[in-house]
Amino acid sequence: MTTAASPATPSGPLSPDDFDALDAELDLLRERDDEIPQWEFCEGFLAALVCMRRELPADEYWPVLLGDEFRPMEHMEFVWRWRRRWQEIAFALDQPVEELHDERTYQPEALDTRGAILSLPPEDRVEGDLDNLPAYAQVWALGFMYAVENWPEEWEPPRDPEAAEMLDTALHDIVALTEDDTGAPALSMYSEDGPPTVSKERIDTLAAAIWAVYELRQLWRSIGPRVAPVRKAAEPGRNDPCPCGSGKKYKKCHGAG
């Protein structure tokens, strides 16, 4: 359990040590609840929150992501890094980038799990290690769509046909990343000289998903939060008692005239 005191906020993005600390905190939480997700899933979930039409309060999304037993005040270093990553993603998505090679572009924290396993010496591998491993960035996309599925009202198509089509296309591009990578392995995202585990088609699918995140962020920011319809209170019947408490019938009191 971490202490409630937060360290001083450093400048710059989260470092590899910060992400290791996030993973370590999730490992601790997983000792009590084996359904606690990996950081890559949390990263996708967080990206969806940043893009969502309404900014959710933390007490609304913590139980969905980390369970009802999660107590933010007991894990302030995790919360502190989470907030920094939120700001980092939001800042990146608000930059006028035109190509993914731009250093300002949002890059999901995704793992090439297959590449990591294949990079191990054969004697360190366990039979079946490669069975059912997620494809590159698949867990990130699953985390993103988990947030979409839990707040469907925030992702309802806008009335404007062009905006609705933009939403549908963007979500379709992210859903495509939740599928397996069935292309021919061409490169490793784990190490430059590692065994190839990721197809070129997968890289294209990831690129489309990243642009989709940009589209969603800009779409909802341009439209703004949903406005709840104003419902007029039901008017009393003419022979009902007047709600003012006079004891008269409504038609002879405030309903007169």
C-alpha atoms as a PDB file:
ATOM      1  CA  MET A   1       0.000   0.000   0.000  1.00  0.00           C
ATOM      2  CA  THR A   2       1.352   3.412  -0.893  1.00  0.00           C
ATOM      3  CA  THR A   3       1.280   6.402   1.373  1.00  0.00           C
ATOM      4  CA  ALA A   4      -1.196   9.213   0.928  1.00  0.00           C
ATOM      5  CA  ALA A   5       1.547  11.778   0.348  1.00  0.00           C
ATOM      6  CA  SER A   6       2.221  12.655  -3.288  1.00  0.00           C
ATOM      7  CA  PRO A   7       5.750  13.422  -4.494  1.00  0.00           C
ATOM      8  CA  ALA A   8       6.493  16.782  -6.020  1.00  0.00           C
ATOM      9  CA  THR A   9       5.251  17.011  -9.599  1.00  0.00           C
ATOM     10  CA  PRO A  10       8.203  16.790 -12.011  1.00  0.00           C
ATOM     11  CA  SER A  11       8.195  18.316 -15.469  1.00  0.00           C
ATOM     12  CA  GLY A  12       7.956  16.267 -18.646  1.00  0.00           C
ATOM     13  CA  PRO A  13       6.105  13.079 -19.568  1.00  0.00           C
ATOM     14  CA  LEU A  14       5.972   9.893 -17.527  1.00  0.00           C
ATOM     15  CA  SER A  15       9.270   8.037 -17.561  1.00  0.00           C
ATOM     16  CA  PRO A  16       9.796   4.270 -17.931  1.00  0.00           C
ATOM     17  CA  ASP A  17      10.222   4.197 -14.140  1.00  0.00           C
ATOM     18  CA  ASP A  18       6.796   5.818 -13.764  1.00  0.00           C
ATOM     19  CA  PHE A  19       5.178   3.154 -15.933  1.00  0.00           C
ATOM     20  CA  ASP A  20       7.020   0.454 -13.967  1.00  0.00           C
ATOM     21  CA  ALA A  21       5.577   1.961 -10.790  1.00  0.00           C
ATOM     22  CA  LEU A  22       2.070   1.877 -12.286  1.00  0.00           C
ATOM     23  CA  ASP A  23       2.543  -1.779 -13.209  1.00  0.00           C
ATOM     24  CA  ALA A  24       3.825  -2.574  -9.715  1.00  0.00           C
ATOM     25  CA  GLU A  25       0.812  -0.914  -8.113  1.00  0.00           C
ATOM     26  CA  LEU A  26      -1.555  -2.891 -10.343  1.00  0.00           C
ATOM     27  CA  ASP A  27       0.297  -6.090  -9.407  1.00  0.00           C
ATOM     28  CA  LEU A  28      -0.359  -5.322  -5.737  1.00  0.00           C
ATOM     29  CA  LEU A  29      -4.026  -4.690  -6.397  1.00  0.00           C
ATOM     30  CA  ARG A  30      -4.190  -7.942  -8.349  1.00  0.00           C
ATOM     31  CA  GLU A  31      -3.158  -9.878  -5.232  1.00  0.00           C
ATOM     32  CA  ARG A  32      -6.588  -9.074  -3.806  1.00  0.00           C
ATOM     33  CA  ASP A  33      -8.551  -9.034  -7.051  1.00  0.00           C
ATOM     34  CA  ASP A  34      -7.340 -11.105 -10.009  1.00  0.00           C
ATOM     35  CA  GLU A  35      -9.579  -9.113 -12.378  1.00  0.00           C
ATOM     36  CA  ILE A  36      -7.454  -5.964 -12.045  1.00  0.00           C
ATOM     37  CA  PRO A  37      -6.241  -5.219 -15.591  1.00  0.00           C
ATOM     38  CA  GLN A  38      -2.749  -4.592 -16.887  1.00  0.00           C
ATOM     39  CA  TRP A  39      -1.594  -1.030 -17.490  1.00  0.00           C
ATOM     40  CA  GLU A  40      -2.046  -1.324 -21.259  1.00  0.00           C
ATOM     41  CA  PHE A  41      -5.778  -1.899 -20.706  1.00  0.00           C
ATOM     42  CA  CYS A  42      -5.857   1.042 -18.262  1.00  0.00           C
ATOM     43  CA  GLU A  43      -4.063   3.190 -20.842  1.00  0.00           C
ATOM     44  CA  GLY A  44      -6.750   2.476 -23.438  1.00  0.00           C
ATOM     45  CA  PHE A  45      -9.489   3.121 -20.882  1.00  0.00           C
ATOM     46  CA  LEU A  46      -7.819   6.404 -19.940  1.00  0.00           C
ATOM     47  CA  ALA A  47      -7.539   7.488 -23.582  1.00  0.00           C
ATOM     48  CA  ALA A  48     -11.280   6.915 -23.990  1.00  0.00           C
ATOM     49  CA  LEU A  49     -12.013   9.024 -20.897  1.00  0.00           C
ATOM     50  CA  VAL A  50      -9.901  11.838 -22.324  1.00  0.00           C
ATOM     51  CA  CYS A  51     -11.917  11.657 -25.558  1.00  0.00           C
ATOM     52  CA  MET A  52     -15.332  11.220 -23.969  1.00  0.00           C
ATOM     53  CA  ARG A  53     -18.026  13.798 -24.549  1.00  0.00           C
ATOM     54  CA  ARG A  54     -18.517  14.363 -20.809  1.00  0.00           C
ATOM     55  CA  GLU A  55     -15.617  14.532 -18.396  1.00  0.00           C
ATOM     56  CA  LEU A  56     -16.379  11.839 -15.857  1.00  0.00           C
ATOM     57  CA  PRO A  57     -15.656  12.411 -12.165  1.00  0.00           C
ATOM     58  CA  ALA A  58     -13.072  10.015 -10.768  1.00  0.00           C
ATOM     59  CA  ASP A  59     -15.510   8.375  -8.363  1.00  0.00           C
ATOM     60  CA  GLU A  60     -17.577   7.319 -11.377  1.00  0.00           C
ATOM     61  CA  TYR A  61     -14.827   5.576 -13.318  1.00  0.00           C
ATOM     62  CA  TRP A  62     -12.598   4.066 -10.597  1.00  0.00           C
ATOM     63  CA  PRO A  63     -15.116   1.339  -9.625  1.00  0.00           C
ATOM     64  CA  VAL A  64     -15.588   0.396 -13.279  1.00  0.00           C
ATOM     65  CA  LEU A  65     -11.866   0.075 -13.956  1.00  0.00           C
ATOM     66  CA  LEU A  66     -10.417  -1.104 -10.641  1.00  0.00           C
ATOM     67  CA  GLY A  67     -13.424  -2.435  -8.727  1.00  0.00           C
ATOM     68  CA  ASP A  68     -15.540  -1.229  -5.842  1.00  0.00           C
ATOM     69  CA  GLU A  69     -12.776  -1.918  -3.320  1.00  0.00           C
ATOM     70  CA  PHE A  70     -10.304   0.535  -4.870  1.00  0.00           C
ATOM     71  CA  ARG A  71      -9.596   3.419  -2.485  1.00  0.00           C
ATOM     72  CA  PRO A  72      -7.834   6.301  -4.281  1.00  0.00           C
ATOM     73  CA  MET A  73      -6.592   7.845  -1.033  1.00  0.00           C
ATOM     74  CA  GLU A  74      -4.698   4.637  -0.299  1.00  0.00           C
ATOM     75  CA  HIS A  75      -2.995   4.669  -3.704  1.00  0.00           C
ATOM     76  CA  MET A  76      -2.150   8.316  -4.222  1.00  0.00           C
ATOM     77  CA  GLU A  77       1.060   7.686  -6.155  1.00  0.00           C
ATOM     78  CA  PHE A  78      -0.943   5.651  -8.671  1.00  0.00           C
ATOM     79  CA  VAL A  79      -3.577   8.393  -8.855  1.00  0.00           C
ATOM     80  CA  TRP A  80      -0.877  11.052  -9.181  1.00  0.00           C
ATOM     81  CA  ARG A  81       0.723   9.269 -12.152  1.00  0.00           C
ATOM     82  CA  TRP A  82      -2.711   8.579 -13.639  1.00  0.00           C
ATOM     83  CA  ARG A  83      -3.527  12.279 -13.584  1.00  0.00           C
ATOM     84  CA  ARG A  84      -0.169  13.154 -15.137  1.00  0.00           C
ATOM     85  CA  ARG A  85      -0.775  10.640 -17.919  1.00  0.00           C
ATOM     86  CA  TRP A  86      -4.291  12.077 -18.425  1.00  0.00           C
ATOM     87  CA  GLN A  87      -2.821  15.553 -18.878  1.00  0.00           C
ATOM     88  CA  GLU A  88      -0.108  14.186 -21.138  1.00  0.00           C
ATOM     89  CA  ILE A  89      -2.616  12.435 -23.436  1.00  0.00           C
ATOM     90  CA  ALA A  90      -4.965  15.421 -23.520  1.00  0.00           C
ATOM     91  CA  PHE A  91      -2.105  17.750 -24.388  1.00  0.00           C
ATOM     92  CA  ALA A  92      -0.928  15.464 -27.202  1.00  0.00           C
ATOM     93  CA  LEU A  93      -4.426  15.128 -28.654  1.00  0.00           C
ATOM     94  CA  ASP A  94      -4.845  18.890 -28.733  1.00  0.00           C
ATOM     95  CA  GLN A  95      -1.689  19.449 -30.791  1.00  0.00           C
ATOM     96  CA  PRO A  96      -2.076  20.171 -34.539  1.00  0.00           C
ATOM     97  CA  VAL A  97      -0.046  17.138 -35.627  1.00  0.00           C
ATOM     98  CA  GLU A  98      -0.219  16.025 -39.255  1.00  0.00           C
ATOM     99  CA  GLU A  99       1.902  12.877 -39.173  1.00  0.00           C
ATOM    100  CA  LEU A 100       2.533  10.144 -36.627  1.00  0.00           C
ATOM    101  CA  HIS A 101       6.288  10.739 -36.724  1.00  0.00           C
ATOM    102  CA  ASP A 102       5.715  14.124 -35.089  1.00  0.00           C
ATOM    103  CA  GLU A 103       7.233  13.842 -31.596  1.00  0.00           C
ATOM    104  CA  ARG A 104       4.101  15.508 -30.166  1.00  0.00           C
ATOM    105  CA  THR A 105       1.838  12.692 -31.376  1.00  0.00           C
ATOM    106  CA  TYR A 106       0.039  10.544 -28.815  1.00  0.00           C
ATOM    107  CA  GLN A 107       1.635   7.102 -28.694  1.00  0.00           C
ATOM    108  CA  PRO A 108      -0.259   4.454 -26.696  1.00  0.00           C
ATOM    109  CA  GLU A 109       1.713   2.503 -24.118  1.00  0.00           C
ATOM    110  CA  ALA A 110       1.275  -0.849 -25.836  1.00  0.00           C
ATOM    111  CA  LEU A 111       3.259  -4.053 -25.448  1.00  0.00           C
ATOM    112  CA  ASP A 112       4.535  -6.497 -28.023  1.00  0.00           C
ATOM    113  CA  THR A 113       4.009  -9.426 -25.666  1.00  0.00           C
ATOM    114  CA  ARG A 114       4.736 -11.992 -28.352  1.00  0.00           C
ATOM    115  CA  GLY A 115       8.000 -10.239 -29.146  1.00  0.00           C
ATOM    116  CA  ALA A 116       8.976 -10.256 -25.467  1.00  0.00           C
ATOM    117  CA  ILE A 117       8.398 -14.007 -25.181  1.00  0.00           C
ATOM    118  CA  LEU A 118      10.232 -14.833 -28.405  1.00  0.00           C
ATOM    119  CA  SER A 119      13.188 -12.713 -27.308  1.00  0.00           C
ATOM    120  CA  LEU A 120      13.760 -15.017 -24.351  1.00  0.00           C
ATOM    121  CA  PRO A 121      16.320 -17.817 -24.718  1.00  0.00           C
ATOM    122  CA  PRO A 122      14.546 -21.062 -25.676  1.00  0.00           C
ATOM    123  CA  GLU A 123      15.444 -22.636 -22.336  1.00  0.00           C
ATOM    124  CA  ASP A 124      13.614 -19.811 -20.493  1.00  0.00           C
ATOM    125  CA  ARG A 125      10.348 -20.280 -22.358  1.00  0.00           C
ATOM    126  CA  VAL A 126       7.494 -22.406 -21.125  1.00  0.00           C
ATOM    127  CA  GLU A 127       5.565 -24.617 -23.492  1.00  0.00           C
ATOM    128  CA  GLY A 128       2.363 -22.861 -24.473  1.00  0.00           C
ATOM    129  CA  ASP A 129       3.768 -19.385 -23.729  1.00  0.00           C
ATOM    130  CA  LEU A 130       2.770 -18.144 -27.167  1.00  0.00           C
ATOM    131  CA  ASP A 131      -0.732 -19.583 -27.082  1.00  0.00           C
ATOM    132  CA  ASN A 132      -3.501 -17.007 -26.841  1.00  0.00           C
ATOM    133  CA  LEU A 133      -1.152 -14.067 -26.316  1.00  0.00           C
ATOM    134  CA  PRO A 134      -2.709 -10.706 -27.307  1.00  0.00           C
ATOM    135  CA  ALA A 135      -1.609  -9.021 -30.501  1.00  0.00           C
ATOM    136  CA  TYR A 136       0.317  -5.771 -30.419  1.00  0.00           C
ATOM    137  CA  ALA A 137      -1.914  -2.950 -29.017  1.00  0.00           C
ATOM    138  CA  GLN A 138      -4.918  -5.287 -28.801  1.00  0.00           C
ATOM    139  CA  VAL A 139      -5.246  -4.860 -25.030  1.00  0.00           C
ATOM    140  CA  TRP A 140      -5.077  -1.066 -25.394  1.00  0.00           C
ATOM    141  CA  ALA A 141      -7.983  -1.142 -27.852  1.00  0.00           C
ATOM    142  CA  LEU A 142      -9.979  -3.461 -25.580  1.00  0.00           C
ATOM    143  CA  GLY A 143      -9.495  -0.999 -22.713  1.00  0.00           C
ATOM    144  CA  PHE A 144     -10.672   1.883 -24.893  1.00  0.00           C
ATOM    145  CA  MET A 145     -13.806   0.042 -25.993  1.00  0.00           C
ATOM    146  CA  TYR A 146     -14.510  -1.061 -22.413  1.00  0.00           C
ATOM    147  CA  ALA A 147     -14.994   2.600 -21.508  1.00  0.00           C
ATOM    148  CA  VAL A 148     -17.202   3.119 -24.558  1.00  0.00           C
ATOM    149  CA  GLU A 149     -19.364   0.135 -23.610  1.00  0.00           C
ATOM    150  CA  ASN A 150     -19.773   1.267 -20.001  1.00  0.00           C
ATOM    151  CA  TRP A 151     -20.997   4.771 -20.896  1.00  0.00           C
ATOM    152  CA  PRO A 152     -22.936   4.216 -24.148  1.00  0.00           C
ATOM    153  CA  GLU A 153     -24.988   7.384 -23.681  1.00  0.00           C
ATOM    154  CA  GLU A 154     -21.802   9.442 -24.013  1.00  0.00           C
ATOM    155  CA  TRP A 155     -21.060   7.864 -27.399  1.00  0.00           C
ATOM    156  CA  GLU A 156     -24.485   8.158 -29.009  1.00  0.00           C
ATOM    157  CA  PRO A 157     -24.273   9.446 -32.593  1.00  0.00           C
ATOM    158  CA  PRO A 158     -24.745  13.212 -32.962  1.00  0.00           C
ATOM    159  CA  ARG A 159     -27.711  14.470 -34.968  1.00  0.00           C
ATOM    160  CA  ASP A 160     -25.477  15.908 -37.648  1.00  0.00           C
ATOM    161  CA  PRO A 161     -25.011  13.132 -40.277  1.00  0.00           C
ATOM    162  CA  GLU A 162     -21.421  14.091 -41.040  1.00  0.00           C
ATOM    163  CA  ALA A 163     -20.460  14.094 -37.360  1.00  0.00           C
ATOM    164  CA  ALA A 164     -22.285  10.787 -36.819  1.00  0.00           C
ATOM    165  CA  GLU A 165     -20.349   9.234 -39.689  1.00  0.00           C
ATOM    166  CA  MET A 166     -17.087  10.562 -38.254  1.00  0.00           C
ATOM    167  CA  LEU A 167     -17.914   8.940 -34.904  1.00  0.00           C
ATOM    168  CA  ASP A 168     -18.825   5.626 -36.508  1.00  0.00           C
ATOM    169  CA  THR A 169     -15.646   5.532 -38.609  1.00  0.00           C
ATOM    170  CA  ALA A 170     -13.402   6.399 -35.663  1.00  0.00           C
ATOM    171  CA  LEU A 171     -14.905   3.731 -33.401  1.00  0.00           C
ATOM    172  CA  HIS A 172     -14.724   1.202 -36.238  1.00  0.00           C
ATOM    173  CA  ASP A 173     -10.980   1.883 -36.577  1.00  0.00           C
ATOM    174  CA  ILE A 174     -10.440   1.268 -32.859  1.00  0.00           C
ATOM    175  CA  VAL A 175     -12.597  -1.876 -32.869  1.00  0.00           C
ATOM    176  CA  ALA A 176     -10.411  -3.213 -35.709  1.00  0.00           C
ATOM    177  CA  LEU A 177      -7.465  -3.078 -33.315  1.00  0.00           C
ATOM    178  CA  THR A 178      -9.297  -5.322 -30.814  1.00  0.00           C
ATOM    179  CA  GLU A 179      -8.967  -8.172 -33.332  1.00  0.00           C
ATOM    180  CA  ASP A 180      -6.002 -10.506 -33.666  1.00  0.00           C
ATOM    181  CA  ASP A 181      -3.060  -9.757 -35.940  1.00  0.00           C
ATOM    182  CA  THR A 182      -3.368 -12.379 -38.669  1.00  0.00           C
ATOM    183  CA  GLY A 183      -0.866 -10.805 -41.068  1.00  0.00           C
ATOM    184  CA  ALA A 184       2.610 -12.133 -41.797  1.00  0.00           C
ATOM    185  CA  PRO A 185       5.054 -11.084 -39.029  1.00  0.00           C
ATOM    186  CA  ALA A 186       7.398  -8.441 -40.408  1.00  0.00           C
ATOM    187  CA  LEU A 187       8.937  -6.609 -37.431  1.00  0.00           C
ATOM    188  CA  SER A 188       9.330  -6.632 -33.684  1.00  0.00           C
ATOM    189  CA  MET A 189       8.023  -3.803 -31.544  1.00  0.00           C
ATOM    190  CA  TYR A 190       9.860  -5.237 -28.550  1.00  0.00           C
ATOM    191  CA  SER A 191      13.385  -4.776 -29.872  1.00  0.00           C
ATOM    192  CA  GLU A 192      14.878  -3.659 -33.159  1.00  0.00           C
ATOM    193  CA  ASP A 193      16.673  -6.946 -33.767  1.00  0.00           C
ATOM    194  CA  GLY A 194      14.060  -9.200 -32.170  1.00  0.00           C
ATOM    195  CA  PRO A 195      12.141 -11.969 -33.955  1.00  0.00           C
ATOM    196  CA  PRO A 196       9.325 -10.482 -36.091  1.00  0.00           C
ATOM    197  CA  THR A 197       5.919 -10.734 -34.418  1.00  0.00           C
ATOM    198  CA  VAL A 198       3.955  -7.779 -35.806  1.00  0.00           C
ATOM    199  CA  SER A 199       2.633  -7.456 -39.348  1.00  0.00           C
ATOM    200  CA  LYS A 200       2.809  -4.302 -41.436  1.00  0.00           C
ATOM    201  CA  GLU A 201      -0.986  -4.419 -41.612  1.00  0.00           C
ATOM    202  CA  ARG A 202      -1.077  -4.246 -37.812  1.00  0.00           C
ATOM    203  CA  ILE A 203       1.010  -1.076 -37.815  1.00  0.00           C
ATOM    204  CA  ASP A 204      -1.424   0.456 -40.319  1.00  0.00           C
ATOM    205  CA  THR A 205      -4.362  -0.573 -38.117  1.00  0.00           C
ATOM    206  CA  LEU A 206      -2.713   1.024 -35.088  1.00  0.00           C
ATOM    207  CA  ALA A 207      -2.041   4.207 -37.042  1.00  0.00           C
ATOM    208  CA  ALA A 208      -5.717   4.405 -38.034  1.00  0.00           C
ATOM    209  CA  ALA A 209      -6.730   3.896 -34.387  1.00  0.00           C
ATOM    210  CA  ILE A 210      -4.440   6.699 -33.212  1.00  0.00           C
ATOM    211  CA  TRP A 211      -5.910   9.099 -35.766  1.00  0.00           C
ATOM    212  CA  ALA A 212      -9.353   7.920 -34.625  1.00  0.00           C
ATOM    213  CA  VAL A 213      -8.545   9.023 -31.071  1.00  0.00           C
ATOM    214  CA  TYR A 214      -7.664  12.462 -32.408  1.00  0.00           C
ATOM    215  CA  GLU A 215     -10.930  12.570 -34.345  1.00  0.00           C
ATOM    216  CA  LEU A 216     -12.973  11.640 -31.290  1.00  0.00           C
ATOM    217  CA  ARG A 217     -11.294  14.205 -29.078  1.00  0.00           C
ATOM    218  CA  GLN A 218     -11.932  16.971 -31.602  1.00  0.00           C
ATOM    219  CA  LEU A 219     -15.460  15.788 -32.398  1.00  0.00           C
ATOM    220  CA  TRP A 220     -16.745  15.926 -28.828  1.00  0.00           C
ATOM    221  CA  ARG A 221     -14.892  19.127 -28.022  1.00  0.00           C
ATOM    222  CA  SER A 222     -16.533  20.821 -31.004  1.00  0.00           C
ATOM    223  CA  ILE A 223     -20.017  19.528 -30.134  1.00  0.00           C
ATOM    224  CA  GLY A 224     -19.778  19.946 -26.367  1.00  0.00           C
ATOM    225  CA  PRO A 225     -21.484  18.006 -23.551  1.00  0.00           C
ATOM    226  CA  ARG A 226     -24.997  16.709 -24.040  1.00  0.00           C
ATOM    227  CA  VAL A 227     -27.659  19.112 -22.800  1.00  0.00           C
ATOM    228  CA  ALA A 228     -30.318  17.444 -20.703  1.00  0.00           C
ATOM    229  CA  PRO A 229     -33.810  18.288 -21.960  1.00  0.00           C
ATOM    230  CA  VAL A 230     -35.786  20.657 -19.760  1.00  0.00           C
ATOM    231  CA  ARG A 231     -38.969  18.954 -18.643  1.00  0.00           C
ATOM    232  CA  LYS A 232     -41.897  21.141 -17.657  1.00  0.00           C
ATOM    233  CA  ALA A 233     -43.485  20.109 -14.396  1.00  0.00           C
ATOM    234  CA  ALA A 234     -46.888  18.511 -14.787  1.00  0.00           C
ATOM    235  CA  GLU A 235     -49.670  21.062 -14.309  1.00  0.00           C
ATOM    236  CA  PRO A 236     -52.374  20.164 -11.753  1.00  0.00           C
ATOM    237  CA  GLY A 237     -55.850  19.300 -13.012  1.00  0.00           C
ATOM    238  CA  ARG A 238     -58.407  22.097 -12.806  1.00  0.00           C
ATOM    239  CA  ASN A 239     -60.255  20.386  -9.959  1.00  0.00           C
ATOM    240  CA  ASP A 240     -57.107  19.372  -8.071  1.00  0.00           C
ATOM    241  CA  PRO A 241     -56.038  21.258  -4.948  1.00  0.00           C
ATOM    242  CA  CYS A 242     -53.815  24.223  -5.816  1.00  0.00           C
ATOM    243  CA  PRO A 243     -50.140  23.383  -5.047  1.00  0.00           C
ATOM    244  CA  CYS A 244     -49.760  26.768  -3.314  1.00  0.00           C
ATOM    245  CA  GLY A 245     -51.525  25.299  -0.254  1.00  0.00           C
ATOM    246  CA  SER A 246     -54.458  27.726  -0.232  1.00  0.00           C
ATOM    247  CA  GLY A 247     -56.988  24.896   0.059  1.00  0.00           C
ATOM    248  CA  LYS A 248     -58.819  26.097  -3.059  1.00  0.00           C
ATOM    249  CA  LYS A 249     -59.192  24.171  -6.280  1.00  0.00           C
ATOM    250  CA  TYR A 250     -56.530  24.985  -8.826  1.00  0.00           C
ATOM    251  CA  LYS A 251     -59.098  26.429 -11.257  1.00  0.00           C
ATOM    252  CA  LYS A 252     -60.205  28.955  -8.595  1.00  0.00           C
ATOM    253  CA  CYS A 253     -56.693  29.879  -7.494  1.00  0.00           C
ATOM    254  CA  HIS A 254     -53.500  29.948  -9.536  1.00  0.00           C
ATOM    255  CA  GLY A 255     -55.207  28.265 -12.488  1.00  0.00           C
ATOM    256  CA  ALA A 256     -57.834  30.964 -12.775  1.00  0.00           C
ATOM    257  CA  GLY A 257     -57.908  33.166 -15.824  1.00  0.00           C
END
